[in-house]
Amino acid sequence: MINVYFDSIKNTLDKMDKQQIYLVTYFIRNCFGNIYIFGNGGSAATASHFAQDLNKMADKRCICLNDNIPSILAYGNDVGFESIFKLQLSKLIQDGDIVIGISCSGNSRNVTDAIAYAKERGCNTIGFMGFDGGILKSLVDYFIHVPLDDMQVCEDIHLIITHTILKLLKFDLPTWKDNKK
């Protein structure tokens, strides 16, 4: 079973579109505003980890909205769980900000509603998703798509990709078009 799981990760990584990773990296590198990131469950853990890494290692201003438990509970209780990220963004986002939503299915309503709101407000958007990409894939400017219908492998690969982005941010790469692998 271990080899099957490890092979699934390796095979999926081999199928990944590396250009997506370069595009997202350049998009983040060129952000001079704030970066807001969020997700649910395992994606929330990845969002929290990525935000911390971007703040510490990439010198970006990144805020993870799912780390704000009092706001999540207040909005969830008073308005509805589907609004927990959108309502936080409504008080925070400005021109030049990037909003990153993570949802393995691509269909988590609180993530897709927040991304749609951010686009309406003129923010740049990034999505991390798996399966067929769901609604999220069609909403964002750039995306990382894990082409596999396996929640755990998708979550693992999203974390691997965030670490890959951090490594890429440390190097002066020519242009994303020059990076074909």
N, C-alpha and C. Protein backbone atom coordinates (compact mmCIF):
# COMPACT_ATOMS: atom_id res chain seq x y z
N MET A 1 0.82 -1.21 0.00
CA MET A 1 0.00 0.00 0.00
C MET A 1 0.86 1.27 0.00
N ILE A 2 1.97 1.23 0.73
CA ILE A 2 2.85 2.40 0.78
C ILE A 2 3.37 2.72 -0.62
N ASN A 3 3.84 1.71 -1.33
CA ASN A 3 4.38 1.93 -2.68
C ASN A 3 3.31 2.46 -3.63
N VAL A 4 2.08 1.98 -3.49
CA VAL A 4 0.99 2.46 -4.33
C VAL A 4 0.76 3.95 -4.08
N TYR A 5 0.73 4.34 -2.80
CA TYR A 5 0.51 5.75 -2.46
C TYR A 5 1.66 6.61 -2.97
N PHE A 6 2.89 6.20 -2.70
CA PHE A 6 4.06 6.96 -3.16
C PHE A 6 4.09 7.05 -4.68
N ASP A 7 3.77 5.97 -5.37
CA ASP A 7 3.74 5.98 -6.83
C ASP A 7 2.67 6.94 -7.35
N SER A 8 1.56 7.01 -6.66
CA SER A 8 0.49 7.93 -7.06
C SER A 8 0.99 9.38 -6.99
N ILE A 9 1.71 9.70 -5.94
CA ILE A 9 2.26 11.06 -5.81
C ILE A 9 3.28 11.31 -6.93
N LYS A 10 4.21 10.38 -7.11
CA LYS A 10 5.25 10.54 -8.14
C LYS A 10 4.64 10.66 -9.53
N ASN A 11 3.70 9.78 -9.86
CA ASN A 11 3.09 9.80 -11.20
C ASN A 11 2.30 11.08 -11.44
N THR A 12 1.62 11.56 -10.41
CA THR A 12 0.85 12.79 -10.55
C THR A 12 1.77 13.99 -10.71
N LEU A 13 2.84 14.04 -9.94
CA LEU A 13 3.81 15.13 -10.09
C LEU A 13 4.38 15.15 -11.51
N ASP A 14 4.62 13.99 -12.08
CA ASP A 14 5.14 13.92 -13.46
C ASP A 14 4.14 14.47 -14.48
N LYS A 15 2.86 14.39 -14.18
CA LYS A 15 1.81 14.88 -15.09
C LYS A 15 1.52 16.37 -14.92
N MET A 16 2.05 16.96 -13.86
CA MET A 16 1.75 18.37 -13.58
C MET A 16 2.28 19.28 -14.68
N ASP A 17 1.53 20.34 -14.94
CA ASP A 17 1.94 21.35 -15.89
C ASP A 17 2.89 22.31 -15.17
N LYS A 18 4.18 22.19 -15.45
CA LYS A 18 5.20 22.99 -14.77
C LYS A 18 5.04 24.48 -15.08
N GLN A 19 4.50 24.80 -16.25
CA GLN A 19 4.28 26.20 -16.61
C GLN A 19 3.34 26.88 -15.61
N GLN A 20 2.35 26.15 -15.12
CA GLN A 20 1.44 26.71 -14.11
C GLN A 20 2.23 27.16 -12.88
N ILE A 21 3.18 26.34 -12.48
CA ILE A 21 3.96 26.66 -11.29
C ILE A 21 4.82 27.90 -11.53
N TYR A 22 5.45 27.99 -12.70
CA TYR A 22 6.24 29.18 -13.02
C TYR A 22 5.36 30.43 -13.07
N LEU A 23 4.20 30.33 -13.70
CA LEU A 23 3.31 31.49 -13.79
C LEU A 23 2.89 31.99 -12.42
N VAL A 24 2.47 31.07 -11.56
CA VAL A 24 2.05 31.45 -10.21
C VAL A 24 3.22 32.06 -9.44
N THR A 25 4.40 31.49 -9.61
CA THR A 25 5.59 32.03 -8.92
C THR A 25 5.87 33.46 -9.36
N TYR A 26 5.85 33.73 -10.65
CA TYR A 26 6.09 35.09 -11.13
C TYR A 26 5.00 36.05 -10.68
N PHE A 27 3.79 35.58 -10.65
CA PHE A 27 2.67 36.39 -10.19
C PHE A 27 2.88 36.80 -8.73
N ILE A 28 3.28 35.85 -7.90
CA ILE A 28 3.54 36.13 -6.48
C ILE A 28 4.77 37.02 -6.33
N ARG A 29 5.82 36.71 -7.08
CA ARG A 29 7.06 37.51 -6.99
C ARG A 29 6.77 38.99 -7.28
N ASN A 30 5.90 39.25 -8.23
CA ASN A 30 5.64 40.63 -8.64
C ASN A 30 4.52 41.30 -7.86
N CYS A 31 4.05 40.69 -6.81
CA CYS A 31 3.02 41.29 -5.97
C CYS A 31 3.66 42.26 -4.99
N PHE A 32 3.21 43.50 -5.03
CA PHE A 32 3.72 44.49 -4.09
C PHE A 32 2.64 44.91 -3.10
N GLY A 33 1.49 44.25 -3.18
CA GLY A 33 0.44 44.46 -2.21
C GLY A 33 0.44 43.33 -1.20
N ASN A 34 -0.71 43.07 -0.63
CA ASN A 34 -0.87 41.97 0.31
C ASN A 34 -1.31 40.72 -0.43
N ILE A 35 -1.04 39.58 0.18
CA ILE A 35 -1.51 38.30 -0.32
C ILE A 35 -2.43 37.72 0.74
N TYR A 36 -3.64 37.37 0.34
CA TYR A 36 -4.61 36.73 1.23
C TYR A 36 -4.82 35.31 0.75
N ILE A 37 -4.84 34.38 1.68
CA ILE A 37 -4.92 32.96 1.32
C ILE A 37 -5.85 32.24 2.29
N PHE A 38 -6.55 31.20 1.78
CA PHE A 38 -7.50 30.48 2.63
C PHE A 38 -7.89 29.16 2.01
N GLY A 39 -8.44 28.28 2.84
CA GLY A 39 -8.96 26.99 2.43
C GLY A 39 -9.66 26.33 3.60
N ASN A 40 -10.18 25.14 3.40
CA ASN A 40 -10.89 24.38 4.43
C ASN A 40 -10.13 23.08 4.72
N GLY A 41 -10.23 22.58 5.92
CA GLY A 41 -9.64 21.28 6.26
C GLY A 41 -8.16 21.23 5.99
N GLY A 42 -7.71 20.20 5.24
CA GLY A 42 -6.30 20.07 4.90
C GLY A 42 -5.81 21.25 4.07
N SER A 43 -6.68 21.80 3.25
CA SER A 43 -6.32 22.98 2.46
C SER A 43 -6.10 24.19 3.36
N ALA A 44 -6.80 24.26 4.47
CA ALA A 44 -6.58 25.33 5.44
C ALA A 44 -5.18 25.21 6.05
N ALA A 45 -4.78 23.97 6.35
CA ALA A 45 -3.44 23.75 6.89
C ALA A 45 -2.38 24.17 5.88
N THR A 46 -2.59 23.83 4.61
CA THR A 46 -1.65 24.23 3.55
C THR A 46 -1.62 25.75 3.42
N ALA A 47 -2.79 26.38 3.47
CA ALA A 47 -2.86 27.85 3.37
C ALA A 47 -2.09 28.50 4.51
N SER A 48 -2.27 28.00 5.71
CA SER A 48 -1.58 28.54 6.88
C SER A 48 -0.07 28.38 6.74
N HIS A 49 0.35 27.22 6.33
CA HIS A 49 1.77 26.93 6.16
C HIS A 49 2.37 27.81 5.06
N PHE A 50 1.69 27.92 3.93
CA PHE A 50 2.18 28.73 2.82
C PHE A 50 2.28 30.20 3.22
N ALA A 51 1.29 30.71 3.94
CA ALA A 51 1.31 32.11 4.38
C ALA A 51 2.53 32.37 5.26
N GLN A 52 2.76 31.48 6.20
CA GLN A 52 3.92 31.63 7.09
C GLN A 52 5.21 31.62 6.29
N ASP A 53 5.32 30.70 5.33
CA ASP A 53 6.53 30.62 4.51
C ASP A 53 6.72 31.87 3.66
N LEU A 54 5.64 32.38 3.06
CA LEU A 54 5.75 33.59 2.25
C LEU A 54 6.18 34.78 3.09
N ASN A 55 5.65 34.89 4.30
CA ASN A 55 6.03 35.98 5.19
C ASN A 55 7.50 35.87 5.60
N LYS A 56 7.89 34.71 6.05
CA LYS A 56 9.23 34.52 6.61
C LYS A 56 10.31 34.40 5.55
N MET A 57 10.06 33.59 4.53
CA MET A 57 11.13 33.24 3.60
C MET A 57 11.12 34.03 2.30
N ALA A 58 9.99 34.61 1.93
CA ALA A 58 9.91 35.34 0.66
C ALA A 58 9.68 36.83 0.88
N ASP A 59 9.62 37.25 2.13
CA ASP A 59 9.45 38.66 2.47
C ASP A 59 8.21 39.28 1.84
N LYS A 60 7.13 38.50 1.83
CA LYS A 60 5.84 38.98 1.33
C LYS A 60 4.92 39.25 2.51
N ARG A 61 3.95 40.11 2.30
CA ARG A 61 2.93 40.36 3.33
C ARG A 61 1.75 39.45 3.03
N CYS A 62 1.64 38.39 3.80
CA CYS A 62 0.63 37.37 3.53
C CYS A 62 -0.20 37.12 4.78
N ILE A 63 -1.50 37.09 4.60
CA ILE A 63 -2.44 36.85 5.70
C ILE A 63 -3.29 35.64 5.36
N CYS A 64 -3.33 34.69 6.27
CA CYS A 64 -4.14 33.49 6.08
C CYS A 64 -5.49 33.70 6.79
N LEU A 65 -6.55 33.80 6.01
CA LEU A 65 -7.86 34.11 6.57
C LEU A 65 -8.45 32.98 7.41
N ASN A 66 -8.08 31.73 7.14
CA ASN A 66 -8.64 30.66 7.96
C ASN A 66 -7.96 30.57 9.32
N ASP A 67 -6.90 31.35 9.56
CA ASP A 67 -6.28 31.41 10.88
C ASP A 67 -7.01 32.35 11.82
N ASN A 68 -7.95 33.12 11.31
CA ASN A 68 -8.68 34.10 12.11
C ASN A 68 -9.96 33.45 12.65
N ILE A 69 -9.80 32.60 13.65
CA ILE A 69 -10.91 31.80 14.19
C ILE A 69 -12.07 32.65 14.71
N PRO A 70 -11.84 33.72 15.49
CA PRO A 70 -12.98 34.51 15.96
C PRO A 70 -13.84 35.08 14.82
N SER A 71 -13.19 35.58 13.76
CA SER A 71 -13.96 36.11 12.62
C SER A 71 -14.71 35.00 11.90
N ILE A 72 -14.04 33.87 11.70
CA ILE A 72 -14.70 32.74 11.04
C ILE A 72 -15.96 32.33 11.81
N LEU A 73 -15.84 32.20 13.11
CA LEU A 73 -16.98 31.77 13.92
C LEU A 73 -18.07 32.83 13.97
N ALA A 74 -17.70 34.10 14.05
CA ALA A 74 -18.70 35.16 14.07
C ALA A 74 -19.47 35.21 12.74
N TYR A 75 -18.74 35.24 11.63
CA TYR A 75 -19.41 35.28 10.33
C TYR A 75 -20.18 33.99 10.07
N GLY A 76 -19.60 32.87 10.43
CA GLY A 76 -20.29 31.59 10.23
C GLY A 76 -21.59 31.52 11.01
N ASN A 77 -21.56 31.99 12.25
CA ASN A 77 -22.74 31.95 13.11
C ASN A 77 -23.78 32.98 12.69
N ASP A 78 -23.35 34.20 12.39
CA ASP A 78 -24.28 35.30 12.14
C ASP A 78 -24.77 35.39 10.70
N VAL A 79 -23.93 34.98 9.74
CA VAL A 79 -24.28 35.15 8.34
C VAL A 79 -24.37 33.80 7.61
N GLY A 80 -23.38 32.95 7.83
CA GLY A 80 -23.34 31.65 7.16
C GLY A 80 -21.92 31.28 6.79
N PHE A 81 -21.63 30.00 6.86
CA PHE A 81 -20.28 29.51 6.63
C PHE A 81 -19.77 29.86 5.23
N GLU A 82 -20.66 29.94 4.25
CA GLU A 82 -20.23 30.24 2.89
C GLU A 82 -19.65 31.64 2.74
N SER A 83 -19.84 32.50 3.76
CA SER A 83 -19.37 33.89 3.68
C SER A 83 -18.12 34.18 4.50
N ILE A 84 -17.55 33.18 5.16
CA ILE A 84 -16.48 33.45 6.13
C ILE A 84 -15.24 34.09 5.52
N PHE A 85 -14.90 33.80 4.29
CA PHE A 85 -13.72 34.40 3.67
C PHE A 85 -14.07 35.68 2.93
N LYS A 86 -15.20 35.68 2.24
CA LYS A 86 -15.63 36.86 1.48
C LYS A 86 -15.80 38.07 2.41
N LEU A 87 -16.42 37.87 3.56
CA LEU A 87 -16.65 39.00 4.46
C LEU A 87 -15.36 39.52 5.08
N GLN A 88 -14.41 38.63 5.32
CA GLN A 88 -13.11 39.11 5.80
C GLN A 88 -12.43 39.94 4.70
N LEU A 89 -12.47 39.43 3.47
CA LEU A 89 -11.85 40.16 2.36
C LEU A 89 -12.49 41.54 2.16
N SER A 90 -13.78 41.64 2.40
CA SER A 90 -14.49 42.91 2.17
C SER A 90 -13.93 44.04 3.02
N LYS A 91 -13.27 43.71 4.11
CA LYS A 91 -12.68 44.72 5.00
C LYS A 91 -11.20 44.95 4.72
N LEU A 92 -10.60 44.12 3.86
CA LEU A 92 -9.14 44.12 3.75
C LEU A 92 -8.58 44.44 2.37
N ILE A 93 -9.15 43.88 1.31
CA ILE A 93 -8.47 43.91 0.01
C ILE A 93 -8.41 45.31 -0.60
N GLN A 94 -7.30 45.50 -1.35
CA GLN A 94 -7.05 46.74 -2.07
C GLN A 94 -6.47 46.41 -3.43
N ASP A 95 -6.40 47.42 -4.30
CA ASP A 95 -5.79 47.23 -5.61
C ASP A 95 -4.37 46.70 -5.45
N GLY A 96 -3.99 45.77 -6.29
CA GLY A 96 -2.65 45.22 -6.26
C GLY A 96 -2.48 44.01 -5.36
N ASP A 97 -3.53 43.66 -4.62
CA ASP A 97 -3.47 42.48 -3.76
C ASP A 97 -3.71 41.21 -4.57
N ILE A 98 -3.22 40.10 -4.03
CA ILE A 98 -3.48 38.79 -4.61
C ILE A 98 -4.31 38.00 -3.61
N VAL A 99 -5.30 37.29 -4.12
CA VAL A 99 -6.14 36.43 -3.30
C VAL A 99 -5.97 34.99 -3.81
N ILE A 100 -5.60 34.09 -2.87
CA ILE A 100 -5.34 32.69 -3.22
C ILE A 100 -6.34 31.80 -2.50
N GLY A 101 -7.10 31.03 -3.25
CA GLY A 101 -8.04 30.07 -2.69
C GLY A 101 -7.55 28.65 -2.95
N ILE A 102 -7.64 27.80 -1.92
CA ILE A 102 -7.23 26.40 -2.06
C ILE A 102 -8.44 25.52 -1.79
N SER A 103 -8.77 24.67 -2.75
CA SER A 103 -9.89 23.73 -2.62
C SER A 103 -9.61 22.53 -3.51
N CYS A 104 -9.39 21.39 -2.92
CA CYS A 104 -9.07 20.20 -3.74
C CYS A 104 -10.18 19.91 -4.74
N SER A 105 -11.43 20.03 -4.34
CA SER A 105 -12.53 19.78 -5.27
C SER A 105 -12.72 20.94 -6.24
N GLY A 106 -12.30 22.13 -5.82
CA GLY A 106 -12.54 23.34 -6.60
C GLY A 106 -13.95 23.86 -6.47
N ASN A 107 -14.73 23.26 -5.57
CA ASN A 107 -16.14 23.61 -5.44
C ASN A 107 -16.55 24.06 -4.03
N SER A 108 -15.60 24.32 -3.16
CA SER A 108 -15.95 24.79 -1.81
C SER A 108 -16.55 26.19 -1.93
N ARG A 109 -17.80 26.31 -1.56
CA ARG A 109 -18.52 27.57 -1.82
C ARG A 109 -17.89 28.77 -1.12
N ASN A 110 -17.40 28.58 0.10
CA ASN A 110 -16.80 29.74 0.77
C ASN A 110 -15.52 30.19 0.06
N VAL A 111 -14.83 29.27 -0.59
CA VAL A 111 -13.63 29.62 -1.35
C VAL A 111 -14.02 30.26 -2.68
N THR A 112 -14.94 29.66 -3.42
CA THR A 112 -15.32 30.21 -4.73
C THR A 112 -16.02 31.56 -4.60
N ASP A 113 -16.86 31.72 -3.58
CA ASP A 113 -17.52 33.02 -3.38
C ASP A 113 -16.51 34.12 -3.07
N ALA A 114 -15.50 33.79 -2.27
CA ALA A 114 -14.47 34.78 -1.93
C ALA A 114 -13.63 35.15 -3.15
N ILE A 115 -13.30 34.16 -3.96
CA ILE A 115 -12.52 34.42 -5.17
C ILE A 115 -13.33 35.28 -6.14
N ALA A 116 -14.60 34.95 -6.33
CA ALA A 116 -15.46 35.74 -7.22
C ALA A 116 -15.56 37.18 -6.72
N TYR A 117 -15.70 37.36 -5.43
CA TYR A 117 -15.75 38.70 -4.84
C TYR A 117 -14.44 39.45 -5.09
N ALA A 118 -13.32 38.78 -4.87
CA ALA A 118 -12.01 39.42 -5.07
C ALA A 118 -11.85 39.87 -6.52
N LYS A 119 -12.31 39.06 -7.46
CA LYS A 119 -12.23 39.43 -8.88
C LYS A 119 -13.11 40.65 -9.17
N GLU A 120 -14.31 40.67 -8.57
CA GLU A 120 -15.20 41.83 -8.74
C GLU A 120 -14.53 43.11 -8.24
N ARG A 121 -13.74 42.98 -7.20
CA ARG A 121 -13.05 44.13 -6.61
C ARG A 121 -11.74 44.45 -7.32
N GLY A 122 -11.39 43.70 -8.36
CA GLY A 122 -10.21 43.99 -9.15
C GLY A 122 -8.92 43.37 -8.65
N CYS A 123 -9.00 42.44 -7.72
CA CYS A 123 -7.80 41.77 -7.24
C CYS A 123 -7.37 40.67 -8.20
N ASN A 124 -6.12 40.35 -8.16
CA ASN A 124 -5.59 39.22 -8.91
C ASN A 124 -5.84 37.96 -8.11
N THR A 125 -6.13 36.86 -8.79
CA THR A 125 -6.52 35.64 -8.08
C THR A 125 -5.73 34.42 -8.55
N ILE A 126 -5.49 33.53 -7.60
CA ILE A 126 -4.82 32.26 -7.85
C ILE A 126 -5.65 31.18 -7.18
N GLY A 127 -5.75 30.02 -7.82
CA GLY A 127 -6.43 28.88 -7.22
C GLY A 127 -5.54 27.65 -7.23
N PHE A 128 -5.62 26.89 -6.16
CA PHE A 128 -5.01 25.56 -6.09
C PHE A 128 -6.17 24.58 -6.03
N MET A 129 -6.20 23.62 -6.96
CA MET A 129 -7.31 22.68 -6.98
C MET A 129 -6.85 21.33 -7.50
N GLY A 130 -7.72 20.33 -7.36
CA GLY A 130 -7.46 18.99 -7.87
C GLY A 130 -8.67 18.54 -8.66
N PHE A 131 -8.89 17.23 -8.71
CA PHE A 131 -10.02 16.64 -9.42
C PHE A 131 -10.13 17.25 -10.81
N ASP A 132 -11.31 17.74 -11.22
CA ASP A 132 -11.43 18.36 -12.55
C ASP A 132 -11.24 19.88 -12.49
N GLY A 133 -10.90 20.40 -11.32
CA GLY A 133 -10.69 21.84 -11.15
C GLY A 133 -11.90 22.55 -10.61
N GLY A 134 -13.07 21.97 -10.79
CA GLY A 134 -14.31 22.55 -10.27
C GLY A 134 -14.54 23.97 -10.75
N ILE A 135 -15.38 24.67 -10.02
CA ILE A 135 -15.72 26.07 -10.34
C ILE A 135 -14.50 26.97 -10.19
N LEU A 136 -13.68 26.67 -9.21
CA LEU A 136 -12.53 27.53 -8.92
C LEU A 136 -11.62 27.72 -10.13
N LYS A 137 -11.40 26.67 -10.89
CA LYS A 137 -10.49 26.74 -12.04
C LYS A 137 -10.94 27.79 -13.05
N SER A 138 -12.24 27.93 -13.24
CA SER A 138 -12.76 28.91 -14.21
C SER A 138 -12.81 30.34 -13.65
N LEU A 139 -12.65 30.49 -12.35
CA LEU A 139 -12.76 31.81 -11.73
C LEU A 139 -11.43 32.57 -11.63
N VAL A 140 -10.33 31.84 -11.48
CA VAL A 140 -9.06 32.48 -11.13
C VAL A 140 -8.26 32.92 -12.36
N ASP A 141 -7.32 33.84 -12.11
CA ASP A 141 -6.42 34.29 -13.17
C ASP A 141 -5.36 33.24 -13.47
N TYR A 142 -4.82 32.63 -12.42
CA TYR A 142 -3.80 31.59 -12.55
C TYR A 142 -4.15 30.46 -11.60
N PHE A 143 -3.68 29.26 -11.93
CA PHE A 143 -4.03 28.14 -11.07
C PHE A 143 -2.96 27.06 -11.06
N ILE A 144 -3.00 26.27 -10.00
CA ILE A 144 -2.23 25.05 -9.88
C ILE A 144 -3.27 23.93 -9.84
N HIS A 145 -3.27 23.09 -10.85
CA HIS A 145 -4.26 22.02 -10.93
C HIS A 145 -3.57 20.67 -10.79
N VAL A 146 -3.97 19.91 -9.77
CA VAL A 146 -3.48 18.55 -9.57
C VAL A 146 -4.47 17.62 -10.26
N PRO A 147 -4.08 17.02 -11.38
CA PRO A 147 -5.03 16.24 -12.18
C PRO A 147 -5.26 14.83 -11.63
N LEU A 148 -5.92 14.75 -10.48
CA LEU A 148 -6.15 13.47 -9.84
C LEU A 148 -7.36 13.57 -8.92
N ASP A 149 -8.16 12.50 -8.87
CA ASP A 149 -9.34 12.45 -8.00
C ASP A 149 -9.02 11.73 -6.70
N ASP A 150 -8.06 12.25 -5.95
CA ASP A 150 -7.66 11.67 -4.68
C ASP A 150 -7.34 12.82 -3.72
N MET A 151 -8.18 13.00 -2.72
CA MET A 151 -8.06 14.14 -1.81
C MET A 151 -6.71 14.19 -1.11
N GLN A 152 -6.25 13.07 -0.57
CA GLN A 152 -5.01 13.07 0.19
C GLN A 152 -3.80 13.37 -0.70
N VAL A 153 -3.73 12.75 -1.86
CA VAL A 153 -2.62 13.01 -2.77
C VAL A 153 -2.66 14.46 -3.24
N CYS A 154 -3.84 14.96 -3.52
CA CYS A 154 -4.00 16.36 -3.92
C CYS A 154 -3.46 17.30 -2.84
N GLU A 155 -3.83 17.05 -1.59
CA GLU A 155 -3.35 17.89 -0.48
C GLU A 155 -1.84 17.80 -0.35
N ASP A 156 -1.28 16.59 -0.48
CA ASP A 156 0.18 16.42 -0.40
C ASP A 156 0.87 17.22 -1.50
N ILE A 157 0.36 17.13 -2.71
CA ILE A 157 1.00 17.81 -3.83
C ILE A 157 0.85 19.32 -3.71
N HIS A 158 -0.26 19.80 -3.23
CA HIS A 158 -0.39 21.25 -3.02
C HIS A 158 0.72 21.75 -2.09
N LEU A 159 0.99 21.02 -1.02
CA LEU A 159 2.06 21.43 -0.11
C LEU A 159 3.42 21.36 -0.79
N ILE A 160 3.66 20.31 -1.57
CA ILE A 160 4.92 20.21 -2.32
C ILE A 160 5.07 21.40 -3.27
N ILE A 161 3.99 21.78 -3.93
CA ILE A 161 4.04 22.90 -4.87
C ILE A 161 4.32 24.22 -4.15
N THR A 162 3.73 24.41 -2.97
CA THR A 162 4.03 25.67 -2.24
C THR A 162 5.51 25.74 -1.90
N HIS A 163 6.10 24.61 -1.53
CA HIS A 163 7.54 24.61 -1.24
C HIS A 163 8.35 24.82 -2.51
N THR A 164 7.88 24.30 -3.62
CA THR A 164 8.56 24.52 -4.90
C THR A 164 8.53 26.01 -5.26
N ILE A 165 7.38 26.64 -5.07
CA ILE A 165 7.26 28.08 -5.33
C ILE A 165 8.24 28.87 -4.47
N LEU A 166 8.38 28.51 -3.21
CA LEU A 166 9.33 29.21 -2.35
C LEU A 166 10.76 29.05 -2.85
N LYS A 167 11.12 27.85 -3.30
CA LYS A 167 12.46 27.65 -3.86
C LYS A 167 12.65 28.53 -5.09
N LEU A 168 11.65 28.57 -5.97
CA LEU A 168 11.74 29.38 -7.18
C LEU A 168 11.84 30.87 -6.87
N LEU A 169 11.15 31.33 -5.82
CA LEU A 169 11.19 32.74 -5.45
C LEU A 169 12.59 33.18 -5.02
N LYS A 170 13.40 32.25 -4.58
CA LYS A 170 14.75 32.57 -4.13
C LYS A 170 15.73 32.79 -5.29
N PHE A 171 15.34 32.39 -6.51
CA PHE A 171 16.24 32.48 -7.64
C PHE A 171 15.77 33.54 -8.61
N ASP A 172 16.70 34.15 -9.31
CA ASP A 172 16.39 35.10 -10.36
C ASP A 172 16.19 34.32 -11.65
N LEU A 173 14.96 34.04 -11.98
CA LEU A 173 14.67 33.29 -13.20
C LEU A 173 14.48 34.27 -14.34
N PRO A 174 14.87 33.90 -15.56
CA PRO A 174 14.75 34.84 -16.68
C PRO A 174 13.30 35.26 -16.91
N THR A 175 12.54 34.52 -17.65
CA THR A 175 11.12 34.77 -17.81
C THR A 175 10.44 33.42 -17.80
N TRP A 176 9.18 33.38 -17.43
CA TRP A 176 8.49 32.10 -17.33
C TRP A 176 8.45 31.38 -18.67
N LYS A 177 8.44 32.14 -19.77
CA LYS A 177 8.38 31.53 -21.10
C LYS A 177 9.65 30.72 -21.41
N ASP A 178 10.76 31.10 -20.79
CA ASP A 178 12.03 30.41 -21.02
C ASP A 178 12.15 29.11 -20.23
N ASN A 179 11.24 28.88 -19.31
CA ASN A 179 11.30 27.70 -18.47
C ASN A 179 10.31 26.66 -18.98
N LYS A 180 10.79 25.69 -19.69
CA LYS A 180 9.92 24.70 -20.32
C LYS A 180 9.79 23.42 -19.52
N LYS A 181 10.57 23.24 -18.47
CA LYS A 181 10.51 22.01 -17.70
C LYS A 181 10.10 22.26 -16.28
